[in-house]
Amino acid sequence: MIANTERVHEEVRIEHLEDREMARLVMENGDSPLNTFRPSKVEAMATAVEALAGDVDCLVVYGEPVFSVGADLRAIEQRPQEMRPAKIDAIAAASNRFIRTVRTFPAPVIAAVTDVAAGGGLGFALACDLIYLHEDAVFDTAYARIGLTPDNATPFFLVKTVGPYKARELLFDPQPITAAEAVELGLANERYETEKAAFVDEVTADARTYAEGPTETHARTKELVDSVFAGRLDEHLEHERTAIKRMSDSNLFDEGLSAFFADREPEWASQ
């Protein structure tokens, strides 16, 4: 199935498929078992998607071995509090670029989610055109548990999908959302009951229907669907970036990070 593999970053590769109509963008876990990301990794992902535009008729995005839990919190926690906003802002800038490249990609982009998509990783999944989940996969907004505002357009896509009231509930009180619940809520298209090792290949085989379809029609249809909130995504991303940068310098986030790595409940009232 794979014709050749192109490495674009130490933790990112592109799998070019034999029929040349499809490719897969793979986020690798590197030193993190949960596939966290740093600015350089996300920048490489954005550059790869831009380079594939016009060359493939369908792009599948997945993480190996898990989809992604978002930013590398350990790297952020190890920085002094006053240095965290710059780090957070660099991640937000790279992530915003990646989301824009996915939304403007002139063909369907499909997220194939295994294990977990949490925090910024969930935002990346929601930014795709279609989302297919392994039966054991879970979504998790996660942000409020560490005292941080959401990013990667997560609230934007949640509100558009489940409405403001359910979106607030999911963001205020982060709880794992099972694959079945995600499909029921309209946050994913389909749940695959299959062996995990075969999941991505099955998604790719099913996605070939889109690759063999009228690509330009799909591209124009993406534009029409997105025109429902034309201009607002860019505004939202910049508002998110400002909010998360501000909160990353707060005592709330400091307490949230400390509690997260100490495996205890945060003491919000003391902040």
Protein backbone atom coordinates (compact mmCIF):
# COMPACT_ATOMS: atom_id res chain seq x y z
CA MET A 1 0.00 0.00 0.00
CA ILE A 2 2.83 2.43 0.85
CA ALA A 3 4.92 3.42 -2.16
CA ASN A 4 7.48 5.43 -0.22
CA THR A 5 7.95 7.28 3.04
CA GLU A 6 9.22 10.84 3.31
CA ARG A 7 10.59 12.09 6.62
CA VAL A 8 9.88 15.79 7.13
CA HIS A 9 10.78 15.98 10.85
CA GLU A 10 12.23 13.63 13.42
CA GLU A 11 8.66 13.03 14.64
CA VAL A 12 6.69 13.53 11.41
CA ARG A 13 6.59 11.49 8.22
CA ILE A 14 4.51 11.37 5.05
CA GLU A 15 3.43 8.01 3.66
CA HIS A 16 2.86 8.26 -0.09
CA LEU A 17 0.50 5.51 -1.17
CA GLU A 18 0.87 3.39 -4.28
CA ASP A 19 -2.06 4.85 -6.18
CA ARG A 20 -0.58 8.37 -5.75
CA GLU A 21 -4.05 9.78 -5.13
CA MET A 22 -3.63 9.53 -1.39
CA ALA A 23 -1.09 10.26 1.32
CA ARG A 24 -0.93 9.89 5.09
CA LEU A 25 0.56 12.43 7.49
CA VAL A 26 1.88 10.61 10.54
CA MET A 27 2.59 12.22 13.91
CA GLU A 28 5.17 10.09 15.73
CA ASN A 29 5.50 9.99 19.50
CA GLY A 30 9.27 10.50 19.76
CA ASP A 31 10.23 10.54 23.45
CA SER A 32 6.62 10.93 24.56
CA PRO A 33 4.34 7.88 24.77
CA LEU A 34 1.32 10.17 24.29
CA ASN A 35 2.47 11.89 21.10
CA THR A 36 2.89 15.40 22.45
CA PHE A 37 4.10 18.16 20.17
CA ARG A 38 6.52 21.07 20.10
CA PRO A 39 6.45 24.08 17.73
CA SER A 40 8.98 22.54 15.32
CA LYS A 41 6.90 19.40 14.97
CA VAL A 42 3.70 21.30 14.22
CA GLU A 43 5.49 23.65 11.81
CA ALA A 44 6.79 20.59 9.93
CA MET A 45 3.24 19.20 9.79
CA ALA A 46 1.92 22.46 8.35
CA THR A 47 4.70 22.63 5.77
CA ALA A 48 4.03 19.03 4.74
CA VAL A 49 0.31 19.66 4.23
CA GLU A 50 1.04 22.77 2.19
CA ALA A 51 3.45 20.79 -0.01
CA LEU A 52 0.85 18.07 -0.62
CA ALA A 53 -1.84 20.53 -1.72
CA GLY A 54 -2.76 19.85 -5.34
CA ASP A 55 -0.76 16.61 -5.45
CA VAL A 56 -3.13 14.25 -3.62
CA ASP A 57 -6.90 13.86 -3.66
CA CYS A 58 -7.29 12.78 -0.04
CA LEU A 59 -5.09 13.09 3.05
CA VAL A 60 -5.31 10.90 6.15
CA VAL A 61 -3.84 12.24 9.41
CA TYR A 62 -3.03 9.90 12.27
CA GLY A 63 -0.77 9.53 15.29
CA GLU A 64 1.51 6.65 16.14
CA PRO A 65 0.90 4.96 18.54
CA VAL A 66 -1.78 7.40 19.80
CA PHE A 67 -3.30 10.37 18.00
CA SER A 68 -2.05 13.15 20.33
CA VAL A 69 -2.62 14.71 23.74
CA GLY A 70 -1.45 18.13 22.58
CA ALA A 71 1.46 20.23 23.80
CA ASP A 72 4.37 18.81 25.78
CA LEU A 73 3.36 19.88 29.29
CA ARG A 74 6.55 18.58 30.86
CA ALA A 75 8.65 20.91 28.71
CA ILE A 76 6.39 23.80 29.71
CA GLU A 77 6.35 22.88 33.40
CA GLN A 78 10.14 22.87 33.54
CA ARG A 79 10.31 26.52 32.47
CA PRO A 80 10.03 29.39 34.97
CA GLN A 81 6.49 30.76 35.11
CA GLU A 82 7.47 34.06 33.47
CA MET A 83 8.93 32.18 30.47
CA ARG A 84 5.88 30.04 29.82
CA PRO A 85 3.83 32.58 27.81
CA ALA A 86 6.49 32.75 25.07
CA LYS A 87 6.61 28.95 24.84
CA ILE A 88 2.82 28.67 24.78
CA ASP A 89 2.56 31.42 22.17
CA ALA A 90 5.07 29.67 19.89
CA ILE A 91 3.02 26.47 20.08
CA ALA A 92 -0.22 28.39 19.43
CA ALA A 93 1.26 30.16 16.40
CA ALA A 94 2.44 26.88 14.86
CA SER A 95 -0.87 25.15 15.65
CA ASN A 96 -2.90 27.98 14.12
CA ARG A 97 -0.89 27.66 10.94
CA PHE A 98 -1.49 23.90 10.80
CA ILE A 99 -5.24 24.32 11.31
CA ARG A 100 -5.43 26.90 8.53
CA THR A 101 -3.56 24.60 6.13
CA VAL A 102 -5.99 21.76 6.88
CA ARG A 103 -9.03 23.97 6.36
CA THR A 104 -7.69 25.34 3.05
CA PHE A 105 -6.35 22.00 1.76
CA PRO A 106 -8.05 21.48 -1.63
CA ALA A 107 -9.20 17.92 -0.89
CA PRO A 108 -10.73 15.95 1.99
CA VAL A 109 -8.58 15.62 5.12
CA ILE A 110 -9.50 12.68 7.36
CA ALA A 111 -8.45 12.16 10.97
CA ALA A 112 -7.95 8.53 11.98
CA VAL A 113 -7.95 8.55 15.78
CA THR A 114 -6.55 5.79 17.96
CA ASP A 115 -6.36 5.77 21.77
CA VAL A 116 -6.72 9.46 22.66
CA ALA A 117 -7.10 12.90 21.14
CA ALA A 118 -6.89 15.38 24.01
CA GLY A 119 -6.28 19.09 24.42
CA GLY A 120 -4.59 20.47 21.32
CA GLY A 121 -4.62 17.01 19.77
CA LEU A 122 -8.41 17.07 19.92
CA GLY A 123 -8.37 20.43 18.16
CA PHE A 124 -6.28 18.95 15.35
CA ALA A 125 -8.78 16.11 14.91
CA LEU A 126 -11.78 18.48 14.92
CA ALA A 127 -10.11 20.65 12.27
CA CYS A 128 -10.25 17.79 9.77
CA ASP A 129 -13.12 17.28 7.31
CA LEU A 130 -14.04 13.81 8.53
CA ILE A 131 -13.17 11.93 11.72
CA TYR A 132 -12.99 8.16 12.05
CA LEU A 133 -12.39 6.62 15.48
CA HIS A 134 -11.11 3.28 16.62
CA GLU A 135 -13.65 1.76 18.99
CA ASP A 136 -11.30 2.24 21.98
CA ALA A 137 -10.48 5.88 21.18
CA VAL A 138 -11.48 8.73 23.50
CA PHE A 139 -11.73 12.49 23.16
CA ASP A 140 -10.86 14.75 26.08
CA THR A 141 -10.91 18.56 26.18
CA ALA A 142 -8.53 18.42 29.19
CA TYR A 143 -7.68 22.16 29.45
CA ALA A 144 -9.64 23.10 32.58
CA ARG A 145 -7.90 20.37 34.58
CA ILE A 146 -4.67 22.37 34.37
CA GLY A 147 -6.22 25.84 34.63
CA LEU A 148 -5.64 26.76 31.00
CA THR A 149 -7.96 28.10 28.31
CA PRO A 150 -8.49 25.91 25.22
CA ASP A 151 -6.63 26.32 21.95
CA ASN A 152 -6.37 24.77 18.47
CA ALA A 153 -9.92 25.93 17.66
CA THR A 154 -11.37 23.31 20.01
CA PRO A 155 -14.15 25.59 21.35
CA PHE A 156 -14.81 26.90 17.83
CA PHE A 157 -15.52 23.45 16.39
CA LEU A 158 -17.29 22.22 19.53
CA VAL A 159 -19.76 25.12 19.47
CA LYS A 160 -20.40 24.63 15.75
CA THR A 161 -21.00 20.91 16.32
CA VAL A 162 -22.77 20.48 19.67
CA GLY A 163 -23.92 24.04 20.42
CA PRO A 164 -22.73 26.47 23.10
CA TYR A 165 -24.36 24.79 26.11
CA LYS A 166 -22.92 21.32 25.54
CA ALA A 167 -19.60 22.88 24.49
CA ARG A 168 -19.36 24.75 27.80
CA GLU A 169 -20.10 21.55 29.70
CA LEU A 170 -17.37 19.66 27.83
CA LEU A 171 -14.87 22.47 28.41
CA PHE A 172 -15.79 23.37 32.01
CA ASP A 173 -15.73 19.76 33.24
CA PRO A 174 -13.40 17.69 31.04
CA GLN A 175 -14.40 14.05 30.99
CA PRO A 176 -13.34 11.32 28.55
CA ILE A 177 -15.73 11.05 25.60
CA THR A 178 -15.87 7.51 24.26
CA ALA A 179 -15.86 6.77 20.55
CA ALA A 180 -19.53 5.80 20.68
CA GLU A 181 -20.44 9.02 22.52
CA ALA A 182 -18.41 11.10 20.06
CA VAL A 183 -20.31 9.66 17.11
CA GLU A 184 -23.63 10.20 18.91
CA LEU A 185 -22.71 13.84 19.64
CA GLY A 186 -21.76 14.41 16.01
CA LEU A 187 -18.07 14.89 16.87
CA ALA A 188 -17.01 11.99 14.65
CA ASN A 189 -18.34 10.24 11.58
CA GLU A 190 -17.81 6.59 12.38
CA ARG A 191 -16.50 4.17 15.00
CA TYR A 192 -14.48 1.21 13.71
CA GLU A 193 -14.77 -2.08 15.54
CA THR A 194 -11.57 -3.63 14.30
CA GLU A 195 -8.11 -4.71 15.37
CA LYS A 196 -6.08 -1.63 16.22
CA ALA A 197 -3.23 -2.74 13.98
CA ALA A 198 -5.58 -2.78 10.98
CA PHE A 199 -7.48 0.41 11.79
CA VAL A 200 -5.50 2.97 9.80
CA ASP A 201 -5.35 0.75 6.72
CA GLU A 202 -9.12 0.20 6.90
CA VAL A 203 -9.71 3.95 7.17
CA THR A 204 -7.38 4.51 4.23
CA ALA A 205 -9.20 1.92 2.13
CA ASP A 206 -12.56 3.53 2.90
CA ALA A 207 -11.16 7.00 2.24
CA ARG A 208 -10.20 5.93 -1.28
CA THR A 209 -13.84 6.65 -2.20
CA TYR A 210 -13.11 10.34 -1.69
CA ALA A 211 -9.75 10.16 -3.46
CA GLU A 212 -11.45 8.66 -6.50
CA GLY A 213 -14.23 11.26 -6.44
CA PRO A 214 -14.41 14.73 -8.00
CA THR A 215 -11.58 16.43 -6.11
CA GLU A 216 -12.31 19.97 -7.23
CA THR A 217 -15.94 19.50 -6.26
CA HIS A 218 -14.82 18.38 -2.81
CA ALA A 219 -12.54 21.42 -2.54
CA ARG A 220 -15.29 23.85 -3.51
CA THR A 221 -17.70 22.07 -1.14
CA LYS A 222 -15.23 22.55 1.72
CA GLU A 223 -15.19 26.27 0.91
CA LEU A 224 -18.99 26.43 0.91
CA VAL A 225 -19.31 24.61 4.23
CA ASP A 226 -16.63 26.80 5.80
CA SER A 227 -18.25 29.94 4.41
CA VAL A 228 -20.94 29.47 7.07
CA PHE A 229 -18.38 30.85 9.50
CA ALA A 230 -16.18 32.69 7.01
CA GLY A 231 -13.63 34.96 8.64
CA ARG A 232 -14.59 33.90 12.14
CA LEU A 233 -12.11 31.04 12.41
CA ASP A 234 -9.13 33.36 11.95
CA GLU A 235 -10.56 35.78 14.50
CA HIS A 236 -11.19 32.94 16.93
CA LEU A 237 -7.67 31.54 16.57
CA GLU A 238 -6.12 34.91 17.37
CA HIS A 239 -8.44 35.42 20.35
CA GLU A 240 -7.49 31.95 21.59
CA ARG A 241 -3.81 32.72 21.20
CA THR A 242 -4.12 35.90 23.29
CA ALA A 243 -6.13 34.15 26.02
CA ILE A 244 -3.90 31.11 26.37
CA LYS A 245 -0.75 33.26 26.43
CA ARG A 246 -2.24 35.36 29.23
CA MET A 247 -3.37 32.33 31.25
CA SER A 248 -0.02 30.58 30.86
CA ASP A 249 1.51 33.28 33.08
CA SER A 250 -1.12 32.82 35.79
CA ASN A 251 -0.93 31.17 39.20
CA LEU A 252 -3.89 29.03 38.13
CA PHE A 253 -1.88 27.39 35.36
CA ASP A 254 1.12 27.04 37.66
CA GLU A 255 -1.04 25.23 40.20
CA GLY A 256 -2.71 23.17 37.48
CA LEU A 257 0.63 21.97 36.12
CA SER A 258 1.98 21.20 39.59
CA ALA A 259 -1.12 19.21 40.47
CA PHE A 260 -1.08 17.37 37.15
CA PHE A 261 2.46 16.09 37.59
CA ALA A 262 1.95 15.40 41.31
CA ASP A 263 -1.18 13.38 40.46
CA ARG A 264 -3.35 15.34 42.87
CA GLU A 265 -6.41 17.57 42.67
CA PRO A 266 -5.60 21.27 42.04
CA GLU A 267 -6.23 23.68 44.92
CA TRP A 268 -7.95 26.36 42.87
CA ALA A 269 -9.33 28.25 45.86
CA SER A 270 -5.85 29.09 47.09
CA GLN A 271 -4.89 30.82 43.86
